[in-house]
Protein backbone atom coordinates (compact mmCIF):
# COMPACT_ATOMS: atom_id res chain seq x y z
CA MET A 1 11.91 25.42 -1.88
CA TRP A 2 11.43 23.56 1.42
CA ASP A 3 7.74 23.22 0.63
CA VAL A 4 8.77 21.19 -2.44
CA TRP A 5 11.76 19.17 -1.25
CA LEU A 6 10.38 18.28 2.19
CA PRO A 7 7.33 16.40 0.83
CA LEU A 8 9.57 14.69 -1.75
CA ALA A 9 12.10 13.52 0.86
CA GLY A 10 9.43 12.67 3.46
CA GLY A 11 7.38 10.76 0.91
CA LEU A 12 10.40 8.73 -0.17
CA VAL A 13 11.30 7.82 3.41
CA LEU A 14 7.70 6.78 4.18
CA LEU A 15 7.54 4.70 0.98
CA VAL A 16 10.72 2.78 1.78
CA LEU A 17 9.80 2.28 5.46
CA GLY A 18 6.21 1.35 4.62
CA GLY A 19 7.25 -1.13 1.93
CA GLU A 20 9.60 -2.87 4.38
CA LEU A 21 6.93 -3.11 7.10
CA LEU A 22 4.20 -4.20 4.66
CA VAL A 23 6.23 -7.07 3.23
CA ARG A 24 7.46 -8.18 6.68
CA GLY A 25 3.97 -8.12 8.19
CA ALA A 26 2.42 -9.83 5.16
CA VAL A 27 4.90 -12.73 5.23
CA ASN A 28 4.29 -13.21 8.98
CA VAL A 29 0.52 -13.23 8.39
CA ALA A 30 0.97 -15.88 5.71
CA THR A 31 3.00 -18.02 8.11
CA ALA A 32 0.44 -17.66 10.91
CA LEU A 33 -2.52 -18.49 8.63
CA ARG A 34 -0.63 -21.37 6.97
CA VAL A 35 -1.19 -19.92 3.50
CA SER A 36 1.49 -19.03 0.98
CA PRO A 37 3.05 -15.56 0.80
CA LEU A 38 1.64 -15.45 -2.75
CA VAL A 39 -1.94 -15.42 -1.41
CA ILE A 40 -1.14 -12.62 1.02
CA GLY A 41 0.49 -10.78 -1.87
CA LEU A 42 -2.65 -11.31 -3.93
CA THR A 43 -4.99 -10.10 -1.19
CA LEU A 44 -3.65 -8.02 1.72
CA VAL A 45 -0.71 -6.53 -0.22
CA GLY A 46 -2.15 -6.47 -3.74
CA PHE A 47 -5.52 -5.03 -2.79
CA GLY A 48 -4.17 -2.75 -0.09
CA THR A 49 -1.65 -1.05 -2.35
CA SER A 50 -4.45 -0.29 -4.83
CA THR A 51 -6.14 2.06 -2.34
CA PRO A 52 -4.90 5.24 -4.12
CA GLU A 53 -6.41 4.00 -7.41
CA LEU A 54 -9.71 3.29 -5.63
CA VAL A 55 -9.95 6.80 -4.19
CA THR A 56 -8.90 8.40 -7.49
CA SER A 57 -11.33 6.45 -9.68
CA VAL A 58 -14.36 6.85 -7.40
CA ARG A 59 -13.72 10.59 -7.02
CA ALA A 60 -13.27 10.97 -10.78
CA ALA A 61 -16.47 9.04 -11.52
CA LEU A 62 -18.46 11.17 -9.05
CA ALA A 63 -17.03 14.28 -10.76
CA ASP A 64 -18.32 12.93 -14.11
CA SER A 65 -14.82 12.22 -15.44
CA PRO A 66 -15.02 8.63 -16.75
CA GLY A 67 -11.80 9.05 -18.73
CA ILE A 68 -9.84 9.59 -15.50
CA ALA A 69 -11.81 6.93 -13.61
CA TYR A 70 -11.37 4.09 -16.10
CA GLY A 71 -8.11 5.37 -17.55
CA ASN A 72 -6.68 5.12 -14.03
CA ILE A 73 -7.83 1.49 -13.73
CA VAL A 74 -6.56 0.32 -17.12
CA GLY A 75 -3.43 2.49 -17.04
CA SER A 76 -2.51 1.21 -13.58
CA ASN A 77 -2.82 -2.40 -14.78
CA ILE A 78 -0.50 -1.69 -17.70
CA ALA A 79 1.99 0.09 -15.43
CA ASN A 80 1.83 -2.72 -12.84
CA ILE A 81 2.95 -5.26 -15.43
CA LEU A 82 5.37 -3.30 -17.60
CA LEU A 83 6.85 -0.74 -15.22
CA ILE A 84 6.62 -2.40 -11.81
CA GLY A 85 6.98 -6.01 -12.92
CA GLY A 86 9.85 -5.02 -15.19
CA LEU A 87 11.68 -3.10 -12.45
CA ALA A 88 11.21 -5.86 -9.85
CA ALA A 89 12.46 -8.57 -12.25
CA LEU A 90 15.41 -6.42 -13.30
CA LEU A 91 16.51 -6.12 -9.65
CA PHE A 92 16.02 -9.81 -8.85
CA PRO A 93 14.42 -12.54 -11.01
CA ILE A 94 10.86 -13.29 -9.87
CA ALA A 95 10.23 -17.00 -9.22
CA VAL A 96 6.66 -18.18 -9.82
CA ALA A 97 4.85 -21.30 -8.56
CA ARG A 98 3.29 -23.31 -11.40
CA ALA A 99 -0.05 -23.92 -9.61
CA ALA A 100 -0.39 -20.25 -8.69
CA LEU A 101 0.42 -19.17 -12.24
CA ARG A 102 -2.25 -21.46 -13.66
CA ARG A 103 -4.89 -20.21 -11.24
CA ASP A 104 -4.12 -16.54 -10.66
CA GLY A 105 -2.56 -15.76 -14.04
CA ALA A 106 -5.64 -17.28 -15.70
CA VAL A 107 -7.96 -15.21 -13.47
CA MET A 108 -6.07 -12.00 -14.34
CA LEU A 109 -6.35 -12.75 -18.06
CA ALA A 110 -10.03 -13.69 -17.80
CA VAL A 111 -10.83 -10.53 -15.85
CA ALA A 112 -8.99 -8.31 -18.36
CA VAL A 113 -10.75 -9.92 -21.33
CA GLY A 114 -14.15 -9.90 -19.59
CA PHE A 115 -13.87 -6.23 -18.65
CA SER A 116 -12.83 -5.31 -22.21
CA ILE A 117 -15.76 -7.19 -23.76
CA VAL A 118 -18.35 -5.77 -21.36
CA ALA A 119 -16.94 -2.23 -21.78
CA ALA A 120 -17.19 -2.56 -25.56
CA LEU A 121 -20.80 -3.81 -25.48
CA MET A 122 -22.52 -1.65 -22.87
CA PRO A 123 -22.16 1.09 -20.23
CA LEU A 124 -20.97 -0.16 -16.87
CA GLY A 125 -24.07 0.10 -14.68
CA ARG A 126 -24.85 -0.97 -11.13
CA VAL A 127 -25.68 -4.56 -12.13
CA VAL A 128 -22.28 -4.95 -13.80
CA GLY A 129 -20.57 -3.26 -10.83
CA SER A 130 -22.29 -5.60 -8.38
CA GLY A 131 -21.27 -8.58 -10.51
CA PHE A 132 -17.63 -7.48 -10.49
CA LEU A 133 -17.61 -7.08 -6.70
CA LEU A 134 -19.26 -10.47 -6.13
CA ALA A 135 -16.71 -12.07 -8.47
CA LEU A 136 -13.91 -10.51 -6.41
CA VAL A 137 -15.31 -11.91 -3.15
CA ALA A 138 -15.72 -15.35 -4.76
CA TYR A 139 -12.13 -15.26 -6.01
CA ILE A 140 -10.72 -14.37 -2.58
CA VAL A 141 -12.75 -17.07 -0.81
CA PHE A 142 -11.84 -19.70 -3.42
CA THR A 143 -8.13 -18.84 -3.25
CA PHE A 144 -7.98 -19.06 0.54
CA MET A 145 -9.90 -22.38 0.55
CA ILE A 146 -7.52 -23.93 -1.98
CA GLU A 147 -4.44 -22.67 -0.14
CA ARG A 148 -5.63 -23.85 3.28
CA ARG A 149 -6.50 -27.27 1.85
CA ASN A 150 -2.99 -27.63 0.41
CA ALA A 151 -1.22 -26.14 3.43
CA PRO A 152 1.13 -28.34 5.47
CA PRO A 153 -0.31 -29.61 8.79
CA ALA A 154 0.20 -27.50 11.89
CA PRO A 155 3.14 -28.52 14.12
CA ALA A 156 2.22 -31.23 16.65
CA ASP A 157 3.61 -29.20 19.55
CA GLY A 158 1.38 -26.29 18.68
CA ALA A 159 4.34 -24.00 18.02
CA LYS A 160 3.37 -20.53 16.90
CA PRO A 161 5.15 -18.09 14.59
CA ALA A 162 7.67 -15.78 16.26
CA THR A 163 5.34 -12.84 15.68
CA GLY A 164 1.65 -13.20 16.56
CA ILE A 165 -0.91 -12.74 13.80
CA GLY A 166 -2.45 -9.69 15.50
CA LEU A 167 0.88 -7.89 15.65
CA SER A 168 1.74 -9.00 12.12
CA VAL A 169 -1.52 -7.56 10.78
CA LEU A 170 -0.84 -4.29 12.61
CA ILE A 171 2.68 -4.16 11.14
CA ALA A 172 1.29 -4.76 7.63
CA ILE A 173 -1.45 -2.14 8.06
CA GLY A 174 1.06 0.35 9.45
CA GLY A 175 3.31 -0.29 6.48
CA LEU A 176 0.40 0.14 4.08
CA ALA A 177 -0.56 3.44 5.72
CA CYS A 178 3.03 4.70 5.39
CA VAL A 179 3.13 3.68 1.72
CA ILE A 180 -0.17 5.41 0.89
CA VAL A 181 0.67 8.62 2.79
CA GLY A 182 4.22 8.59 1.39
CA GLY A 183 2.91 8.20 -2.16
CA GLY A 184 0.63 11.20 -1.64
CA PHE A 185 3.51 13.35 -0.32
CA LEU A 186 5.74 12.26 -3.19
CA VAL A 187 3.11 13.19 -5.79
CA ASP A 188 2.42 16.56 -4.14
CA GLY A 189 6.12 17.39 -4.01
CA ALA A 190 6.70 16.27 -7.58
CA VAL A 191 3.75 18.31 -8.87
CA SER A 192 5.05 21.42 -7.07
CA LEU A 193 8.51 20.83 -8.51
CA ALA A 194 7.12 20.40 -12.03
CA ARG A 195 5.06 23.59 -11.74
CA GLY A 196 8.18 25.41 -10.57
CA PHE A 197 9.87 24.42 -13.83
CA GLY A 198 6.82 25.50 -15.86
CA ILE A 199 5.69 22.02 -16.95
CA SER A 200 2.04 21.94 -18.06
CA GLU A 201 -0.73 20.51 -15.90
CA THR A 202 -1.53 17.97 -18.65
CA VAL A 203 2.00 16.59 -18.69
CA ILE A 204 2.01 16.46 -14.87
CA GLY A 205 -1.22 14.45 -14.88
CA LEU A 206 -0.01 12.04 -17.57
CA THR A 207 3.33 11.33 -15.94
CA ILE A 208 3.96 12.21 -12.29
CA VAL A 209 0.43 11.73 -10.94
CA ALA A 210 -0.25 8.57 -12.98
CA VAL A 211 2.93 6.87 -11.77
CA GLY A 212 2.38 8.30 -8.29
CA THR A 213 -0.88 6.40 -7.75
CA SER A 214 1.02 3.19 -8.58
CA MET A 215 3.89 4.05 -6.23
CA PRO A 216 2.66 1.75 -3.41
CA GLU A 217 2.71 -1.26 -5.78
CA MET A 218 6.12 -0.25 -7.10
CA VAL A 219 7.77 0.15 -3.68
CA THR A 220 6.17 -3.01 -2.27
CA SER A 221 7.15 -5.17 -5.26
CA VAL A 222 10.71 -3.80 -5.34
CA VAL A 223 11.17 -4.33 -1.58
CA ALA A 224 9.72 -7.84 -1.89
CA ALA A 225 12.09 -8.62 -4.78
CA LEU A 226 15.11 -7.31 -2.85
CA LYS A 227 14.09 -9.39 0.21
CA ARG A 228 13.83 -12.47 -2.07
CA GLN A 229 10.06 -12.68 -1.36
CA SER A 230 9.30 -13.09 -5.05
CA ASP A 231 5.89 -14.66 -4.36
CA VAL A 232 4.84 -11.41 -2.70
CA ALA A 233 6.19 -9.36 -5.62
CA PHE A 234 4.40 -11.46 -8.25
CA GLY A 235 1.24 -11.77 -6.16
CA ASN A 236 1.17 -7.99 -5.63
CA ILE A 237 1.17 -7.35 -9.38
CA ILE A 238 -1.41 -10.03 -10.23
CA GLY A 239 -3.58 -9.22 -7.19
CA SER A 240 -3.53 -5.49 -7.90
CA ASN A 241 -4.61 -6.05 -11.51
CA ILE A 242 -7.49 -8.32 -10.49
CA TYR A 243 -8.58 -5.90 -7.76
CA ASN A 244 -8.27 -2.84 -10.03
CA ILE A 245 -10.87 -4.24 -12.41
CA LEU A 246 -13.20 -6.21 -10.14
CA GLY A 247 -12.90 -4.09 -6.99
CA ILE A 248 -12.23 -0.56 -8.25
CA GLY A 249 -14.09 -1.01 -11.54
CA GLY A 250 -16.99 -2.61 -9.67
CA ALA A 251 -17.12 0.13 -7.03
CA THR A 252 -16.88 2.85 -9.69
CA ALA A 253 -19.72 1.35 -11.76
CA LEU A 254 -21.82 0.84 -8.63
CA ILE A 255 -21.37 4.38 -7.30
CA ALA A 256 -21.35 6.29 -10.61
CA PRO A 257 -22.59 4.19 -13.57
CA GLY A 258 -21.31 5.24 -16.98
CA ALA A 259 -19.67 4.15 -20.21
CA VAL A 260 -15.95 3.50 -20.59
CA PRO A 261 -14.55 6.09 -23.07
CA ALA A 262 -14.24 4.84 -26.65
CA GLU A 263 -10.50 5.51 -26.87
CA ILE A 264 -9.86 3.24 -23.88
CA VAL A 265 -12.11 0.52 -25.31
CA SER A 266 -10.44 0.63 -28.73
CA PHE A 267 -6.79 0.81 -27.66
CA ASP A 268 -5.78 0.72 -23.99
CA ASN A 269 -7.97 -2.28 -23.10
CA LEU A 270 -6.31 -4.23 -25.92
CA VAL A 271 -2.85 -3.22 -24.65
CA MET A 272 -3.87 -4.39 -21.16
CA ILE A 273 -4.84 -7.81 -22.51
CA ALA A 274 -1.64 -8.05 -24.57
CA VAL A 275 0.72 -7.20 -21.69
CA SER A 276 -1.19 -9.59 -19.39
CA LEU A 277 -0.50 -12.34 -21.92
CA VAL A 278 3.16 -11.29 -22.10
CA ILE A 279 3.84 -11.46 -18.34
CA VAL A 280 2.05 -14.82 -18.06
CA GLY A 281 4.10 -16.06 -21.01
CA PHE A 282 7.35 -14.82 -19.45
CA ALA A 283 6.44 -16.43 -16.11
CA TRP A 284 5.56 -19.74 -17.80
CA THR A 285 9.03 -20.10 -19.36
CA GLY A 286 11.17 -21.53 -16.61
CA MET A 287 8.65 -20.55 -13.90
CA LYS A 288 10.41 -17.22 -13.38
CA ILE A 289 10.67 -13.73 -14.86
CA VAL A 290 14.38 -13.15 -15.46
CA ARG A 291 16.31 -9.89 -15.82
CA TRP A 292 16.22 -9.62 -19.62
CA GLU A 293 12.46 -10.15 -19.54
CA GLY A 294 12.23 -7.40 -16.91
CA ALA A 295 14.20 -5.11 -19.22
CA ALA A 296 11.84 -5.98 -22.09
CA LEU A 297 8.81 -5.12 -19.93
CA LEU A 298 10.34 -1.74 -19.01
CA ALA A 299 11.08 -1.03 -22.68
CA GLY A 300 7.44 -1.89 -23.45
CA TYR A 301 6.24 0.72 -20.96
CA VAL A 302 8.45 3.39 -22.54
CA ALA A 303 7.00 2.47 -25.95
CA TYR A 304 3.41 2.60 -24.60
CA VAL A 305 3.90 6.08 -23.09
CA TYR A 306 5.49 7.26 -26.35
CA VAL A 307 2.49 6.04 -28.36
CA ILE A 308 -0.17 7.65 -26.14
CA TRP A 309 1.74 10.94 -25.71
CA PRO A 310 -0.32 13.78 -27.22
């Protein structure tokens, strides 16, 4: 049984350690660059923690499995909001800046709606994929420009953050690597455990593996919430959702063009839009997502899994 429990325990340790380092490094980077922790959450943390989804979707598309490729993208977005957002808010209410909500929440909604419309009208080819990737680059550049413009002036004495930006970036990257490797170990151990109990491959894929690819986002958001870095937690969720569609969806369409399966177009895309509206609505009321709203999001994820269960 050591071949099962060792990966599980090792993966959990790496996830917790990696989440701590990633959040700490990301906040230091934000301080050094004079941008808000939210922006680092949207970019370095949000995009970085989506690496498992990127690898999974591109591999699935190359293997001619569009259901896995695009189901992973849309399903991860739904899990990010309902499961991860709900859990983070339940642990500690997530405060949200009004300006960031208007900008980044609106971008997340627009991206979800745009993807759903395009997927319903045509196959996602290389032109669409290129457009998604260019839109992602434009969004990142625009966000950094706005944040730097609104940043407070640098100290007159030229004081620098306690941790240099180079070291902070290395800490964040090291934390990200631990989270990704830990998530892989945790999934491998969980799959072995499930097989040992005779659970079917289909059920394993729908539950353990699906949640496993979102484990980096979950650990990072929970650690950020516990450390009272709610901007990082919220930015991680919003940034991951934007990156999943524009970055991962764009890369998938560019590398292996194909149509989004009809069942995703007709149901899951609509759920993704609905839950995106819900989290923006929750955040707009009082500029925070409180514990009861977190509990409602978690209950929504349970209901979603119940509905799609075969």
